[in-house]
Amino acid sequence: MSAVAENEIVAVGETFGKTVRFTEQDIAAFAAACQDSNPLHRDQAEAGQSRFGEVIASGPHTASMLMGLAASHFSRRNDGVKRQMVCLNFNFAYKAPVYANEDITLHWVVSSVEWNRKLGGYVVLVDGAASTQRSGVAVVSRGTLLVKEVE
């Protein structure tokens, strides 16, 4: 899902998103890869005794999916425009758990676009969220990106 005016590399109001799903194995593997040894991400027995009642994804797992979606969208080439995207900043707030084996809807909207002569591109503010049917909005985010058209 994407909406952008023809011949613009990025526009205010542009939206994009996708749906992903984490298995318990995905959650455990991601936590291990980033050296997060919290048993809530890998131990069903201990997670079952927590307030969540079962294994939950780590915050960085969901955040990385949101960042990856933004990077992929703003560096896409499938519309004939060669873009380059660099992350300047992302902030995340964790509102509710993300459980294994449920759809996670990732969504971004462009809230601001400003040309920056010094950086030679557009400084873009995006507002995003990751939501599940069970938890509602689980993660909210704001990002600042540099988007350029390249030859």
N, C-alpha and C. Protein backbone atom coordinates (compact mmCIF):
# COMPACT_ATOMS: atom_id res chain seq x y z
N MET A 1 0.84 -1.16 0.00
CA MET A 1 0.00 0.00 0.00
C MET A 1 0.89 1.23 0.00
N SER A 2 0.79 2.01 -1.05
CA SER A 2 1.62 3.19 -1.18
C SER A 2 0.86 4.25 -1.96
N ALA A 3 0.99 5.48 -1.55
CA ALA A 3 0.39 6.59 -2.27
C ALA A 3 1.41 7.70 -2.37
N VAL A 4 1.81 8.04 -3.59
CA VAL A 4 2.75 9.13 -3.82
C VAL A 4 2.45 9.74 -5.18
N ALA A 5 2.57 11.05 -5.27
CA ALA A 5 2.31 11.73 -6.54
C ALA A 5 3.38 11.35 -7.56
N GLU A 6 2.98 11.28 -8.81
CA GLU A 6 3.91 10.94 -9.89
C GLU A 6 5.05 11.94 -9.92
N ASN A 7 6.26 11.48 -10.16
CA ASN A 7 7.48 12.27 -10.29
C ASN A 7 8.00 12.85 -8.98
N GLU A 8 7.43 12.50 -7.85
CA GLU A 8 7.98 12.91 -6.57
C GLU A 8 8.70 11.73 -5.96
N ILE A 9 9.82 11.98 -5.30
CA ILE A 9 10.49 10.85 -4.67
C ILE A 9 9.93 10.57 -3.28
N VAL A 10 9.29 11.56 -2.68
CA VAL A 10 8.62 11.38 -1.39
C VAL A 10 7.63 12.53 -1.21
N ALA A 11 6.49 12.26 -0.60
CA ALA A 11 5.45 13.28 -0.45
C ALA A 11 4.78 13.17 0.91
N VAL A 12 4.40 14.32 1.48
CA VAL A 12 3.63 14.35 2.72
C VAL A 12 2.34 13.56 2.48
N GLY A 13 2.00 12.72 3.44
CA GLY A 13 0.79 11.91 3.34
C GLY A 13 1.03 10.54 2.72
N GLU A 14 2.21 10.34 2.16
CA GLU A 14 2.55 9.03 1.58
C GLU A 14 2.46 7.97 2.68
N THR A 15 1.83 6.86 2.38
CA THR A 15 1.69 5.78 3.35
C THR A 15 2.20 4.48 2.76
N PHE A 16 2.67 3.61 3.64
CA PHE A 16 3.10 2.28 3.20
C PHE A 16 3.10 1.37 4.40
N GLY A 17 2.97 0.10 4.14
CA GLY A 17 2.93 -0.87 5.23
C GLY A 17 2.99 -2.29 4.73
N LYS A 18 3.01 -3.20 5.65
CA LYS A 18 2.95 -4.63 5.35
C LYS A 18 2.61 -5.40 6.61
N THR A 19 2.29 -6.65 6.43
CA THR A 19 1.97 -7.52 7.55
C THR A 19 3.03 -8.61 7.65
N VAL A 20 3.49 -8.85 8.88
CA VAL A 20 4.49 -9.89 9.14
C VAL A 20 3.98 -10.76 10.28
N ARG A 21 4.68 -11.86 10.51
CA ARG A 21 4.32 -12.78 11.60
C ARG A 21 5.61 -13.37 12.14
N PHE A 22 5.74 -13.43 13.47
CA PHE A 22 6.89 -14.05 14.12
C PHE A 22 6.45 -15.38 14.73
N THR A 23 7.21 -16.44 14.46
CA THR A 23 6.99 -17.69 15.18
C THR A 23 7.77 -17.63 16.50
N GLU A 24 7.53 -18.58 17.38
CA GLU A 24 8.33 -18.63 18.61
C GLU A 24 9.80 -18.82 18.27
N GLN A 25 10.08 -19.60 17.23
CA GLN A 25 11.47 -19.82 16.80
C GLN A 25 12.09 -18.52 16.27
N ASP A 26 11.32 -17.73 15.53
CA ASP A 26 11.81 -16.44 15.04
C ASP A 26 12.16 -15.53 16.20
N ILE A 27 11.28 -15.50 17.20
CA ILE A 27 11.49 -14.63 18.37
C ILE A 27 12.75 -15.05 19.12
N ALA A 28 12.91 -16.34 19.37
CA ALA A 28 14.08 -16.84 20.08
C ALA A 28 15.36 -16.58 19.29
N ALA A 29 15.31 -16.79 17.97
CA ALA A 29 16.50 -16.59 17.13
C ALA A 29 16.90 -15.13 17.09
N PHE A 30 15.93 -14.22 16.97
CA PHE A 30 16.27 -12.79 16.95
C PHE A 30 16.88 -12.37 18.28
N ALA A 31 16.26 -12.80 19.37
CA ALA A 31 16.79 -12.45 20.69
C ALA A 31 18.22 -12.97 20.85
N ALA A 32 18.47 -14.19 20.42
CA ALA A 32 19.82 -14.75 20.50
C ALA A 32 20.80 -13.96 19.64
N ALA A 33 20.37 -13.58 18.43
CA ALA A 33 21.25 -12.85 17.51
C ALA A 33 21.66 -11.49 18.07
N CYS A 34 20.77 -10.86 18.83
CA CYS A 34 21.14 -9.55 19.40
C CYS A 34 21.55 -9.67 20.88
N GLN A 35 21.83 -10.89 21.30
CA GLN A 35 22.34 -11.20 22.64
C GLN A 35 21.40 -10.73 23.75
N ASP A 36 20.11 -10.87 23.50
CA ASP A 36 19.09 -10.57 24.49
C ASP A 36 18.72 -11.90 25.15
N SER A 37 19.19 -12.12 26.37
CA SER A 37 18.96 -13.40 27.04
C SER A 37 17.71 -13.41 27.93
N ASN A 38 16.87 -12.43 27.79
CA ASN A 38 15.63 -12.37 28.57
C ASN A 38 14.79 -13.62 28.28
N PRO A 39 14.47 -14.41 29.30
CA PRO A 39 13.72 -15.65 29.07
C PRO A 39 12.31 -15.42 28.52
N LEU A 40 11.79 -14.21 28.61
CA LEU A 40 10.46 -13.94 28.04
C LEU A 40 10.44 -14.12 26.53
N HIS A 41 11.62 -14.16 25.91
CA HIS A 41 11.72 -14.31 24.46
C HIS A 41 12.05 -15.73 24.01
N ARG A 42 12.23 -16.66 24.99
CA ARG A 42 12.66 -18.00 24.58
C ARG A 42 12.19 -19.15 25.47
N ASP A 43 11.74 -18.84 26.65
CA ASP A 43 11.39 -19.89 27.62
C ASP A 43 9.88 -19.86 27.90
N GLN A 44 9.15 -20.80 27.29
CA GLN A 44 7.69 -20.82 27.41
C GLN A 44 7.25 -20.96 28.87
N ALA A 45 7.95 -21.78 29.65
CA ALA A 45 7.55 -21.98 31.05
C ALA A 45 7.69 -20.68 31.85
N GLU A 46 8.82 -20.01 31.73
CA GLU A 46 9.02 -18.76 32.48
C GLU A 46 8.11 -17.65 31.94
N ALA A 47 8.02 -17.56 30.62
CA ALA A 47 7.14 -16.55 30.03
C ALA A 47 5.69 -16.79 30.44
N GLY A 48 5.31 -18.06 30.58
CA GLY A 48 3.95 -18.41 31.00
C GLY A 48 3.61 -17.92 32.39
N GLN A 49 4.62 -17.73 33.23
CA GLN A 49 4.39 -17.25 34.59
C GLN A 49 4.48 -15.72 34.68
N SER A 50 4.81 -15.08 33.56
CA SER A 50 4.90 -13.62 33.55
C SER A 50 3.52 -13.01 33.35
N ARG A 51 3.43 -11.73 33.43
CA ARG A 51 2.15 -11.05 33.20
C ARG A 51 1.64 -11.21 31.78
N PHE A 52 2.54 -11.63 30.85
CA PHE A 52 2.15 -11.80 29.45
C PHE A 52 1.56 -13.19 29.18
N GLY A 53 1.95 -14.18 29.99
CA GLY A 53 1.38 -15.51 29.87
C GLY A 53 1.98 -16.39 28.80
N GLU A 54 2.84 -15.85 27.97
CA GLU A 54 3.50 -16.63 26.92
C GLU A 54 4.68 -15.84 26.36
N VAL A 55 5.42 -16.48 25.48
CA VAL A 55 6.60 -15.84 24.86
C VAL A 55 6.17 -14.59 24.09
N ILE A 56 6.97 -13.53 24.25
CA ILE A 56 6.74 -12.29 23.51
C ILE A 56 8.00 -11.90 22.75
N ALA A 57 7.81 -11.16 21.67
CA ALA A 57 8.93 -10.66 20.89
C ALA A 57 9.65 -9.56 21.66
N SER A 58 10.95 -9.44 21.45
CA SER A 58 11.69 -8.34 22.05
C SER A 58 11.33 -7.03 21.33
N GLY A 59 11.47 -5.94 22.03
CA GLY A 59 11.20 -4.64 21.42
C GLY A 59 12.03 -4.40 20.16
N PRO A 60 13.34 -4.69 20.19
CA PRO A 60 14.15 -4.47 18.99
C PRO A 60 13.71 -5.31 17.79
N HIS A 61 13.06 -6.44 18.03
CA HIS A 61 12.61 -7.29 16.93
C HIS A 61 11.54 -6.55 16.11
N THR A 62 10.53 -6.05 16.80
CA THR A 62 9.47 -5.31 16.10
C THR A 62 10.01 -4.00 15.54
N ALA A 63 10.85 -3.32 16.30
CA ALA A 63 11.43 -2.06 15.82
C ALA A 63 12.25 -2.28 14.56
N SER A 64 13.00 -3.36 14.50
CA SER A 64 13.83 -3.62 13.32
C SER A 64 12.96 -3.87 12.09
N MET A 65 11.80 -4.49 12.28
CA MET A 65 10.90 -4.70 11.15
C MET A 65 10.36 -3.37 10.64
N LEU A 66 10.03 -2.47 11.56
CA LEU A 66 9.58 -1.14 11.15
C LEU A 66 10.68 -0.38 10.41
N MET A 67 11.91 -0.42 10.95
CA MET A 67 13.02 0.28 10.29
C MET A 67 13.33 -0.33 8.93
N GLY A 68 13.31 -1.65 8.85
CA GLY A 68 13.57 -2.32 7.58
C GLY A 68 12.52 -1.97 6.53
N LEU A 69 11.26 -1.87 6.94
CA LEU A 69 10.21 -1.48 6.02
C LEU A 69 10.46 -0.08 5.48
N ALA A 70 10.82 0.86 6.36
CA ALA A 70 11.10 2.23 5.92
C ALA A 70 12.30 2.26 4.96
N ALA A 71 13.36 1.55 5.31
CA ALA A 71 14.56 1.52 4.46
C ALA A 71 14.23 0.94 3.09
N SER A 72 13.48 -0.13 3.06
CA SER A 72 13.11 -0.76 1.78
C SER A 72 12.23 0.16 0.94
N HIS A 73 11.28 0.81 1.59
CA HIS A 73 10.37 1.69 0.85
C HIS A 73 11.10 2.87 0.24
N PHE A 74 11.96 3.52 1.02
CA PHE A 74 12.60 4.74 0.54
C PHE A 74 13.86 4.49 -0.29
N SER A 75 14.24 3.23 -0.46
CA SER A 75 15.34 2.91 -1.37
C SER A 75 14.86 2.06 -2.53
N ARG A 76 13.55 1.99 -2.71
CA ARG A 76 12.98 1.16 -3.78
C ARG A 76 13.35 1.71 -5.16
N ARG A 77 13.32 0.84 -6.13
CA ARG A 77 13.64 1.22 -7.51
C ARG A 77 12.56 0.76 -8.48
N ASN A 78 11.50 0.14 -7.98
CA ASN A 78 10.51 -0.49 -8.85
C ASN A 78 9.62 0.50 -9.61
N ASP A 79 9.76 1.79 -9.36
CA ASP A 79 8.97 2.79 -10.08
C ASP A 79 9.83 3.61 -11.04
N GLY A 80 11.08 3.16 -11.27
CA GLY A 80 11.96 3.85 -12.21
C GLY A 80 12.75 5.00 -11.60
N VAL A 81 12.53 5.29 -10.33
CA VAL A 81 13.27 6.36 -9.65
C VAL A 81 14.30 5.71 -8.74
N LYS A 82 15.57 6.09 -8.92
CA LYS A 82 16.62 5.56 -8.05
C LYS A 82 16.74 6.45 -6.82
N ARG A 83 16.39 5.86 -5.69
CA ARG A 83 16.45 6.58 -4.42
C ARG A 83 17.55 6.01 -3.54
N GLN A 84 18.01 6.86 -2.66
CA GLN A 84 18.95 6.43 -1.63
C GLN A 84 18.40 6.95 -0.31
N MET A 85 18.39 6.11 0.70
CA MET A 85 17.85 6.49 2.00
C MET A 85 18.89 6.24 3.08
N VAL A 86 19.01 7.20 3.99
CA VAL A 86 19.89 7.06 5.14
C VAL A 86 19.07 7.40 6.38
N CYS A 87 19.15 6.55 7.37
CA CYS A 87 18.46 6.79 8.64
C CYS A 87 19.22 7.86 9.43
N LEU A 88 18.52 8.87 9.88
CA LEU A 88 19.11 9.88 10.75
C LEU A 88 18.73 9.64 12.21
N ASN A 89 17.49 9.15 12.44
CA ASN A 89 17.04 8.93 13.81
C ASN A 89 15.74 8.13 13.82
N PHE A 90 15.58 7.25 14.78
CA PHE A 90 14.30 6.60 15.05
C PHE A 90 14.09 6.58 16.55
N ASN A 91 12.86 6.80 16.97
CA ASN A 91 12.45 6.66 18.37
C ASN A 91 11.28 5.69 18.42
N PHE A 92 11.26 4.86 19.46
CA PHE A 92 10.21 3.87 19.62
C PHE A 92 9.63 3.94 21.02
N ALA A 93 8.34 3.71 21.12
CA ALA A 93 7.67 3.56 22.42
C ALA A 93 6.91 2.24 22.36
N TYR A 94 7.10 1.43 23.38
CA TYR A 94 6.50 0.10 23.43
C TYR A 94 5.25 0.16 24.31
N LYS A 95 4.11 -0.11 23.70
CA LYS A 95 2.82 0.07 24.35
C LYS A 95 2.17 -1.24 24.80
N ALA A 96 2.45 -2.33 24.07
CA ALA A 96 1.80 -3.61 24.37
C ALA A 96 2.68 -4.72 23.79
N PRO A 97 2.51 -5.94 24.27
CA PRO A 97 3.35 -7.05 23.78
C PRO A 97 2.98 -7.49 22.37
N VAL A 98 3.99 -8.05 21.71
CA VAL A 98 3.79 -8.73 20.42
C VAL A 98 4.03 -10.21 20.69
N TYR A 99 3.00 -11.01 20.46
CA TYR A 99 3.06 -12.44 20.71
C TYR A 99 3.41 -13.20 19.44
N ALA A 100 3.87 -14.41 19.63
CA ALA A 100 4.18 -15.29 18.50
C ALA A 100 2.90 -15.68 17.76
N ASN A 101 3.08 -15.95 16.48
CA ASN A 101 2.04 -16.53 15.63
C ASN A 101 0.79 -15.66 15.48
N GLU A 102 0.98 -14.35 15.45
CA GLU A 102 -0.13 -13.45 15.16
C GLU A 102 0.33 -12.44 14.12
N ASP A 103 -0.61 -11.96 13.32
CA ASP A 103 -0.27 -10.96 12.31
C ASP A 103 0.11 -9.65 12.98
N ILE A 104 1.18 -9.05 12.48
CA ILE A 104 1.65 -7.76 12.97
C ILE A 104 1.57 -6.81 11.79
N THR A 105 0.74 -5.80 11.90
CA THR A 105 0.58 -4.82 10.83
C THR A 105 1.54 -3.67 11.09
N LEU A 106 2.47 -3.48 10.15
CA LEU A 106 3.45 -2.40 10.21
C LEU A 106 2.95 -1.29 9.29
N HIS A 107 3.01 -0.05 9.75
CA HIS A 107 2.46 1.05 8.95
C HIS A 107 3.27 2.33 9.19
N TRP A 108 3.54 3.05 8.12
CA TRP A 108 4.22 4.35 8.19
C TRP A 108 3.42 5.38 7.39
N VAL A 109 3.50 6.62 7.81
CA VAL A 109 2.97 7.75 7.04
C VAL A 109 4.00 8.88 7.09
N VAL A 110 4.21 9.53 5.95
CA VAL A 110 5.13 10.66 5.87
C VAL A 110 4.42 11.88 6.41
N SER A 111 4.99 12.50 7.45
CA SER A 111 4.35 13.67 8.06
C SER A 111 5.01 14.99 7.67
N SER A 112 6.23 14.93 7.18
CA SER A 112 6.94 16.16 6.81
C SER A 112 8.04 15.84 5.81
N VAL A 113 8.23 16.75 4.86
CA VAL A 113 9.31 16.63 3.88
C VAL A 113 9.92 18.02 3.70
N GLU A 114 11.22 18.13 3.91
CA GLU A 114 11.91 19.41 3.72
C GLU A 114 13.20 19.19 2.96
N TRP A 115 13.44 20.01 1.94
CA TRP A 115 14.69 19.95 1.20
C TRP A 115 15.80 20.47 2.10
N ASN A 116 16.94 19.78 2.11
CA ASN A 116 18.10 20.22 2.88
C ASN A 116 19.26 20.35 1.91
N ARG A 117 19.62 21.58 1.62
CA ARG A 117 20.67 21.85 0.63
C ARG A 117 22.01 21.26 1.07
N LYS A 118 22.34 21.41 2.33
CA LYS A 118 23.62 20.90 2.83
C LYS A 118 23.73 19.38 2.67
N LEU A 119 22.65 18.67 2.94
CA LEU A 119 22.65 17.21 2.82
C LEU A 119 22.35 16.74 1.40
N GLY A 120 21.87 17.64 0.57
CA GLY A 120 21.60 17.30 -0.82
C GLY A 120 20.43 16.35 -1.01
N GLY A 121 19.44 16.45 -0.11
CA GLY A 121 18.28 15.57 -0.21
C GLY A 121 17.16 16.06 0.67
N TYR A 122 16.14 15.24 0.78
CA TYR A 122 14.97 15.58 1.57
C TYR A 122 15.09 14.97 2.96
N VAL A 123 14.88 15.80 3.99
CA VAL A 123 14.76 15.30 5.34
C VAL A 123 13.28 14.98 5.54
N VAL A 124 13.02 13.73 5.83
CA VAL A 124 11.66 13.20 5.87
C VAL A 124 11.34 12.71 7.27
N LEU A 125 10.22 13.17 7.82
CA LEU A 125 9.72 12.66 9.10
C LEU A 125 8.62 11.67 8.81
N VAL A 126 8.71 10.50 9.45
CA VAL A 126 7.69 9.47 9.30
C VAL A 126 7.17 9.08 10.67
N ASP A 127 5.88 8.81 10.74
CA ASP A 127 5.24 8.32 11.96
C ASP A 127 4.74 6.92 11.68
N GLY A 128 5.05 6.00 12.59
CA GLY A 128 4.71 4.62 12.33
C GLY A 128 4.16 3.90 13.53
N ALA A 129 3.69 2.69 13.25
CA ALA A 129 3.17 1.84 14.32
C ALA A 129 3.22 0.39 13.90
N ALA A 130 3.26 -0.47 14.89
CA ALA A 130 3.10 -1.91 14.71
C ALA A 130 1.91 -2.30 15.58
N SER A 131 0.94 -2.94 14.96
CA SER A 131 -0.29 -3.29 15.67
C SER A 131 -0.63 -4.76 15.47
N THR A 132 -1.32 -5.32 16.46
CA THR A 132 -1.84 -6.68 16.34
C THR A 132 -3.31 -6.65 16.73
N GLN A 133 -4.04 -7.63 16.29
CA GLN A 133 -5.46 -7.69 16.65
C GLN A 133 -5.61 -7.90 18.16
N ARG A 134 -4.75 -8.70 18.71
CA ARG A 134 -4.84 -9.04 20.14
C ARG A 134 -4.44 -7.88 21.04
N SER A 135 -3.33 -7.20 20.71
CA SER A 135 -2.79 -6.16 21.58
C SER A 135 -3.16 -4.75 21.16
N GLY A 136 -3.64 -4.57 19.95
CA GLY A 136 -3.85 -3.21 19.44
C GLY A 136 -2.51 -2.63 19.06
N VAL A 137 -2.35 -1.34 19.27
CA VAL A 137 -1.07 -0.69 18.94
C VAL A 137 -0.03 -1.16 19.95
N ALA A 138 0.98 -1.85 19.44
CA ALA A 138 2.02 -2.41 20.30
C ALA A 138 3.26 -1.53 20.35
N VAL A 139 3.60 -0.91 19.21
CA VAL A 139 4.78 -0.05 19.13
C VAL A 139 4.42 1.18 18.31
N VAL A 140 4.83 2.34 18.78
CA VAL A 140 4.71 3.57 17.98
C VAL A 140 6.11 4.09 17.74
N SER A 141 6.27 4.77 16.60
CA SER A 141 7.60 5.23 16.24
C SER A 141 7.54 6.54 15.47
N ARG A 142 8.64 7.25 15.53
CA ARG A 142 8.87 8.42 14.69
C ARG A 142 10.29 8.28 14.16
N GLY A 143 10.44 8.55 12.89
CA GLY A 143 11.75 8.46 12.27
C GLY A 143 12.08 9.71 11.49
N THR A 144 13.37 9.99 11.40
CA THR A 144 13.88 11.07 10.56
C THR A 144 14.85 10.43 9.58
N LEU A 145 14.61 10.66 8.30
CA LEU A 145 15.36 10.01 7.24
C LEU A 145 15.87 11.05 6.27
N LEU A 146 16.93 10.71 5.56
CA LEU A 146 17.41 11.49 4.43
C LEU A 146 17.14 10.68 3.18
N VAL A 147 16.37 11.26 2.25
CA VAL A 147 16.03 10.57 1.01
C VAL A 147 16.54 11.41 -0.15
N LYS A 148 17.30 10.77 -1.04
CA LYS A 148 17.87 11.46 -2.21
C LYS A 148 17.53 10.68 -3.46
N GLU A 149 17.46 11.40 -4.56
CA GLU A 149 17.43 10.73 -5.85
C GLU A 149 18.86 10.62 -6.33
N VAL A 150 19.23 9.45 -6.83
CA VAL A 150 20.60 9.23 -7.30
C VAL A 150 20.58 8.83 -8.78
N GLU A 151 21.68 9.08 -9.42
CA GLU A 151 21.82 8.74 -10.85
C GLU A 151 22.04 7.27 -11.04
